[in-house]
PDB file of N, CA and C in Angstrom:
ATOM      1  N   MET A   1      23.090  20.725 -12.398  1.00  0.00           N
ATOM      2  CA  MET A   1      21.976  21.191 -11.253  1.00  0.00           C
ATOM      3  C   MET A   1      20.916  20.217 -10.961  1.00  0.00           C
ATOM      4  N   ARG A   2      20.357  19.494 -12.114  1.00  0.00           N
ATOM      5  CA  ARG A   2      19.340  18.383 -11.954  1.00  0.00           C
ATOM      6  C   ARG A   2      19.974  17.448 -10.776  1.00  0.00           C
ATOM      7  N   ALA A   3      21.089  16.865 -10.733  1.00  0.00           N
ATOM      8  CA  ALA A   3      21.799  15.906 -10.373  1.00  0.00           C
ATOM      9  C   ALA A   3      21.497  16.519  -8.555  1.00  0.00           C
ATOM     10  N   LEU A   4      21.980  17.701  -8.565  1.00  0.00           N
ATOM     11  CA  LEU A   4      21.810  17.998  -7.039  1.00  0.00           C
ATOM     12  C   LEU A   4      20.311  18.304  -6.491  1.00  0.00           C
ATOM     13  N   CYS A   5      19.612  18.697  -7.378  1.00  0.00           N
ATOM     14  CA  CYS A   5      18.181  18.605  -7.041  1.00  0.00           C
ATOM     15  C   CYS A   5      17.688  17.371  -6.416  1.00  0.00           C
ATOM     16  N   GLU A   6      17.990  16.340  -7.386  1.00  0.00           N
ATOM     17  CA  GLU A   6      17.242  14.730  -7.423  1.00  0.00           C
ATOM     18  C   GLU A   6      18.224  14.512  -6.115  1.00  0.00           C
ATOM     19  N   ALA A   7      19.625  14.754  -5.697  1.00  0.00           N
ATOM     20  CA  ALA A   7      20.037  14.348  -4.603  1.00  0.00           C
ATOM     21  C   ALA A   7      19.413  14.893  -3.293  1.00  0.00           C
ATOM     22  N   SER A   8      19.244  16.191  -3.306  1.00  0.00           N
ATOM     23  CA  SER A   8      18.346  17.007  -2.248  1.00  0.00           C
ATOM     24  C   SER A   8      16.893  16.449  -1.892  1.00  0.00           C
ATOM     25  N   THR A   9      16.497  15.888  -2.864  1.00  0.00           N
ATOM     26  CA  THR A   9      14.842  15.152  -2.685  1.00  0.00           C
ATOM     27  C   THR A   9      15.014  13.875  -2.361  1.00  0.00           C
ATOM     28  N   ARG A  10      16.223  12.994  -2.742  1.00  0.00           N
ATOM     29  CA  ARG A  10      16.442  11.683  -1.921  1.00  0.00           C
ATOM     30  C   ARG A  10      16.892  11.470  -0.748  1.00  0.00           C
ATOM     31  N   ASP A  11      17.484  12.747  -0.169  1.00  0.00           N
ATOM     32  CA  ASP A  11      17.907  13.333   1.071  1.00  0.00           C
ATOM     33  C   ASP A  11      16.627  13.605   2.076  1.00  0.00           C
ATOM     34  N   ASP A  12      15.665  14.619   1.498  1.00  0.00           N
ATOM     35  CA  ASP A  12      14.537  14.844   2.161  1.00  0.00           C
ATOM     36  C   ASP A  12      13.603  13.565   2.404  1.00  0.00           C
ATOM     37  N   ALA A  13      13.913  12.740   1.541  1.00  0.00           N
ATOM     38  CA  ALA A  13      12.816  11.797   1.910  1.00  0.00           C
ATOM     39  C   ALA A  13      13.655  10.442   2.768  1.00  0.00           C
ATOM     40  N   MET A  14      14.866  10.403   2.657  1.00  0.00           N
ATOM     41  CA  MET A  14      15.399   9.508   3.704  1.00  0.00           C
ATOM     42  C   MET A  14      15.074   9.861   4.899  1.00  0.00           C
ATOM     43  N   LEU A  15      15.372  11.329   5.081  1.00  0.00           N
ATOM     44  CA  LEU A  15      15.111  12.092   6.388  1.00  0.00           C
ATOM     45  C   LEU A  15      13.774  12.134   7.028  1.00  0.00           C
ATOM     46  N   ASP A  16      12.912  11.923   6.039  1.00  0.00           N
ATOM     47  CA  ASP A  16      11.307  11.738   6.361  1.00  0.00           C
ATOM     48  C   ASP A  16      11.029  10.369   6.823  1.00  0.00           C
ATOM     49  N   THR A  17      11.554   9.418   6.099  1.00  0.00           N
ATOM     50  CA  THR A  17      11.644   8.233   6.469  1.00  0.00           C
ATOM     51  C   THR A  17      12.162   7.854   8.177  1.00  0.00           C
ATOM     52  N   LEU A  18      13.556   8.195   8.297  1.00  0.00           N
ATOM     53  CA  LEU A  18      13.874   8.493   9.581  1.00  0.00           C
ATOM     54  C   LEU A  18      12.940   8.775  10.721  1.00  0.00           C
ATOM     55  N   ARG A  19      12.384   9.925  10.298  1.00  0.00           N
ATOM     56  CA  ARG A  19      11.548  10.905  11.234  1.00  0.00           C
ATOM     57  C   ARG A  19      10.319  10.074  11.757  1.00  0.00           C
ATOM     58  N   GLN A  20       9.474   9.577  10.745  1.00  0.00           N
ATOM     59  CA  GLN A  20       8.715   8.781  10.869  1.00  0.00           C
ATOM     60  C   GLN A  20       8.839   7.560  11.817  1.00  0.00           C
ATOM     61  N   ARG A  21       9.882   6.709  11.373  1.00  0.00           N
ATOM     62  CA  ARG A  21      10.470   5.748  12.276  1.00  0.00           C
ATOM     63  C   ARG A  21      10.743   6.150  13.970  1.00  0.00           C
ATOM     64  N   PHE A  22      11.373   7.033  13.975  1.00  0.00           N
ATOM     65  CA  PHE A  22      11.631   7.828  15.378  1.00  0.00           C
ATOM     66  C   PHE A  22      10.190   7.790  15.614  1.00  0.00           C
ATOM     67  N   ASP A  23       9.511   8.659  15.078  1.00  0.00           N
ATOM     68  CA  ASP A  23       7.998   9.171  15.747  1.00  0.00           C
ATOM     69  C   ASP A  23       7.520   8.136  16.296  1.00  0.00           C
ATOM     70  N   ALA A  24       7.283   6.911  15.370  1.00  0.00           N
ATOM     71  CA  ALA A  24       6.534   5.661  15.787  1.00  0.00           C
ATOM     72  C   ALA A  24       6.853   5.052  17.114  1.00  0.00           C
ATOM     73  N   ARG A  25       8.377   4.822  17.122  1.00  0.00           N
ATOM     74  CA  ARG A  25       9.404   4.418  18.349  1.00  0.00           C
ATOM     75  C   ARG A  25       8.855   5.437  19.555  1.00  0.00           C
ATOM     76  N   LEU A  26       8.895   6.420  19.500  1.00  0.00           N
ATOM     77  CA  LEU A  26       8.472   7.693  20.528  1.00  0.00           C
ATOM     78  C   LEU A  26       7.295   7.371  20.905  1.00  0.00           C
ATOM     79  N   ALA A  27       6.359   7.165  19.716  1.00  0.00           N
ATOM     80  CA  ALA A  27       5.009   7.108  20.052  1.00  0.00           C
ATOM     81  C   ALA A  27       4.478   5.965  21.272  1.00  0.00           C
ATOM     82  N   LEU A  28       5.629   4.500  21.343  1.00  0.00           N
ATOM     83  CA  LEU A  28       5.165   3.894  22.155  1.00  0.00           C
ATOM     84  C   LEU A  28       5.520   4.368  23.757  1.00  0.00           C
ATOM     85  N   LEU A  29       5.984   5.012  24.134  1.00  0.00           N
ATOM     86  CA  LEU A  29       6.440   5.587  25.224  1.00  0.00           C
ATOM     87  C   LEU A  29       5.361   6.727  25.916  1.00  0.00           C
ATOM     88  N   GLN A  30       4.638   6.918  24.787  1.00  0.00           N
ATOM     89  CA  GLN A  30       3.340   7.711  25.377  1.00  0.00           C
ATOM     90  C   GLN A  30       2.152   7.150  25.490  1.00  0.00           C
ATOM     91  N   GLU A  31       2.199   5.852  25.334  1.00  0.00           N
ATOM     92  CA  GLU A  31       1.148   4.614  25.664  1.00  0.00           C
ATOM     93  C   GLU A  31       0.773   4.591  27.254  1.00  0.00           C
ATOM     94  N   ALA A  32      -0.215   4.252  27.412  1.00  0.00           N
ATOM     95  CA  ALA A  32      -0.800   4.416  28.757  1.00  0.00           C
ATOM     96  C   ALA A  32      -0.120   3.296  29.730  1.00  0.00           C
ATOM     97  N   ASP A  33       0.578   1.942  29.261  1.00  0.00           N
ATOM     98  CA  ASP A  33       1.179   1.077  29.925  1.00  0.00           C
ATOM     99  C   ASP A  33       2.716   1.043  29.752  1.00  0.00           C
ATOM    100  N   ALA A  34       3.228   2.462  29.187  1.00  0.00           N
ATOM    101  CA  ALA A  34       4.776   2.383  29.064  1.00  0.00           C
ATOM    102  C   ALA A  34       5.445   2.142  30.272  1.00  0.00           C
ATOM    103  N   GLY A  35       4.981   2.791  31.504  1.00  0.00           N
ATOM    104  CA  GLY A  35       5.707   2.725  32.567  1.00  0.00           C
ATOM    105  C   GLY A  35       5.612   1.332  33.135  1.00  0.00           C
ATOM    106  N   THR A  36       4.952   0.647  33.056  1.00  0.00           N
ATOM    107  CA  THR A  36       4.423  -0.638  33.722  1.00  0.00           C
ATOM    108  C   THR A  36       5.409  -1.686  32.924  1.00  0.00           C
ATOM    109  N   ARG A  37       5.394  -1.579  31.108  1.00  0.00           N
ATOM    110  CA  ARG A  37       6.045  -2.208  30.577  1.00  0.00           C
ATOM    111  C   ARG A  37       7.473  -2.362  30.964  1.00  0.00           C
ATOM    112  N   LEU A  38       8.071  -0.649  30.752  1.00  0.00           N
ATOM    113  CA  LEU A  38       9.378  -0.790  31.255  1.00  0.00           C
ATOM    114  C   LEU A  38       9.912  -1.110  32.766  1.00  0.00           C
ATOM    115  N   ARG A  39       8.914  -1.302  34.046  1.00  0.00           N
ATOM    116  CA  ARG A  39       9.197  -1.666  35.245  1.00  0.00           C
ATOM    117  C   ARG A  39       9.249  -3.147  34.826  1.00  0.00           C
ATOM    118  N   SER A  40       8.588  -3.760  33.997  1.00  0.00           N
ATOM    119  CA  SER A  40       8.328  -5.508  33.989  1.00  0.00           C
ATOM    120  C   SER A  40       9.854  -5.688  33.129  1.00  0.00           C
ATOM    121  N   VAL A  41      10.069  -4.839  32.569  1.00  0.00           N
ATOM    122  CA  VAL A  41      11.553  -5.261  31.804  1.00  0.00           C
ATOM    123  C   VAL A  41      12.806  -5.110  32.727  1.00  0.00           C
ATOM    124  N   MET A  42      12.841  -4.183  33.395  1.00  0.00           N
ATOM    125  CA  MET A  42      13.710  -3.845  34.502  1.00  0.00           C
ATOM    126  C   MET A  42      14.021  -4.840  35.728  1.00  0.00           C
ATOM    127  N   ARG A  43      12.479  -5.443  36.095  1.00  0.00           N
ATOM    128  CA  ARG A  43      12.625  -6.352  37.250  1.00  0.00           C
ATOM    129  C   ARG A  43      13.412  -7.542  36.517  1.00  0.00           C
ATOM    130  N   GLY A  44      13.246  -8.102  35.583  1.00  0.00           N
ATOM    131  CA  GLY A  44      13.416  -9.177  35.060  1.00  0.00           C
ATOM    132  C   GLY A  44      15.167  -9.308  34.962  1.00  0.00           C
ATOM    133  N   PRO A  45      15.435 -10.503  34.680  1.00  0.00           N
ATOM    134  CA  PRO A  45      17.124 -10.864  34.856  1.00  0.00           C
ATOM    135  C   PRO A  45      17.558 -10.395  33.488  1.00  0.00           C
ATOM    136  N   ALA A  46      19.023  -9.593  33.387  1.00  0.00           N
ATOM    137  CA  ALA A  46      19.319  -9.449  32.142  1.00  0.00           C
ATOM    138  C   ALA A  46      19.755 -10.351  31.262  1.00  0.00           C
ATOM    139  N   LYS A  47      19.573 -10.442  30.124  1.00  0.00           N
ATOM    140  CA  LYS A  47      19.717 -11.702  28.744  1.00  0.00           C
ATOM    141  C   LYS A  47      21.290 -11.238  28.042  1.00  0.00           C
ATOM    142  N   LEU A  48      22.417 -11.807  28.992  1.00  0.00           N
ATOM    143  CA  LEU A  48      23.543 -11.418  28.367  1.00  0.00           C
ATOM    144  C   LEU A  48      24.429 -12.607  27.721  1.00  0.00           C
ATOM    145  N   GLY A  49      23.591 -13.692  27.542  1.00  0.00           N
ATOM    146  CA  GLY A  49      24.060 -14.582  26.892  1.00  0.00           C
ATOM    147  C   GLY A  49      25.316 -15.099  27.156  1.00  0.00           C
ATOM    148  N   GLY A  50      25.553 -15.086  28.409  1.00  0.00           N
ATOM    149  CA  GLY A  50      27.005 -15.726  29.102  1.00  0.00           C
ATOM    150  C   GLY A  50      27.747 -14.921  28.874  1.00  0.00           C
ATOM    151  N   LYS A  51      28.016 -13.399  28.161  1.00  0.00           N
ATOM    152  CA  LYS A  51      29.064 -12.571  28.262  1.00  0.00           C
ATOM    153  C   LYS A  51      28.522 -11.113  29.072  1.00  0.00           C
ATOM    154  N   VAL A  52      29.861 -11.076  29.616  1.00  0.00           N
ATOM    155  CA  VAL A  52      29.443  -9.376  30.428  1.00  0.00           C
ATOM    156  C   VAL A  52      30.110  -8.361  29.258  1.00  0.00           C
ATOM    157  N   LYS A  53      28.950  -7.647  29.539  1.00  0.00           N
ATOM    158  CA  LYS A  53      28.915  -6.356  28.791  1.00  0.00           C
ATOM    159  C   LYS A  53      29.616  -4.860  29.589  1.00  0.00           C
ATOM    160  N   ALA A  54      30.416  -4.512  29.298  1.00  0.00           N
ATOM    161  CA  ALA A  54      30.701  -3.310  30.576  1.00  0.00           C
ATOM    162  C   ALA A  54      32.204  -2.837  29.657  1.00  0.00           C
ATOM    163  N   GLY A  55      32.717  -1.707  29.993  1.00  0.00           N
ATOM    164  CA  GLY A  55      33.290  -0.640  29.832  1.00  0.00           C
ATOM    165  C   GLY A  55      33.119   0.165  28.553  1.00  0.00           C
ATOM    166  N   ALA A  56      34.346   0.636  28.159  1.00  0.00           N
ATOM    167  CA  ALA A  56      34.211   1.979  27.357  1.00  0.00           C
ATOM    168  C   ALA A  56      33.536   1.372  25.909  1.00  0.00           C
ATOM    169  N   SER A  57      33.454   0.453  25.413  1.00  0.00           N
ATOM    170  CA  SER A  57      32.816  -0.190  24.168  1.00  0.00           C
ATOM    171  C   SER A  57      31.281  -0.733  24.349  1.00  0.00           C
ATOM    172  N   HIS A  58      30.781  -0.495  25.603  1.00  0.00           N
ATOM    173  CA  HIS A  58      29.675  -1.030  25.654  1.00  0.00           C
ATOM    174  C   HIS A  58      28.938   0.357  26.350  1.00  0.00           C
TER     175      HIS A  58
END
């Protein structure tokens, strides 16, 4: 029973860490200049490193 409780606690901690990381990334989209930064990236050329990225696997 103790092992089950400890596993649950570890799972909760891992989920909390993932949630915090996701929230931090999402917060970047809420910044005042998020739209400007996105438009700037979209206007620039794609960096493909000489490889075409297309098809079902991409």
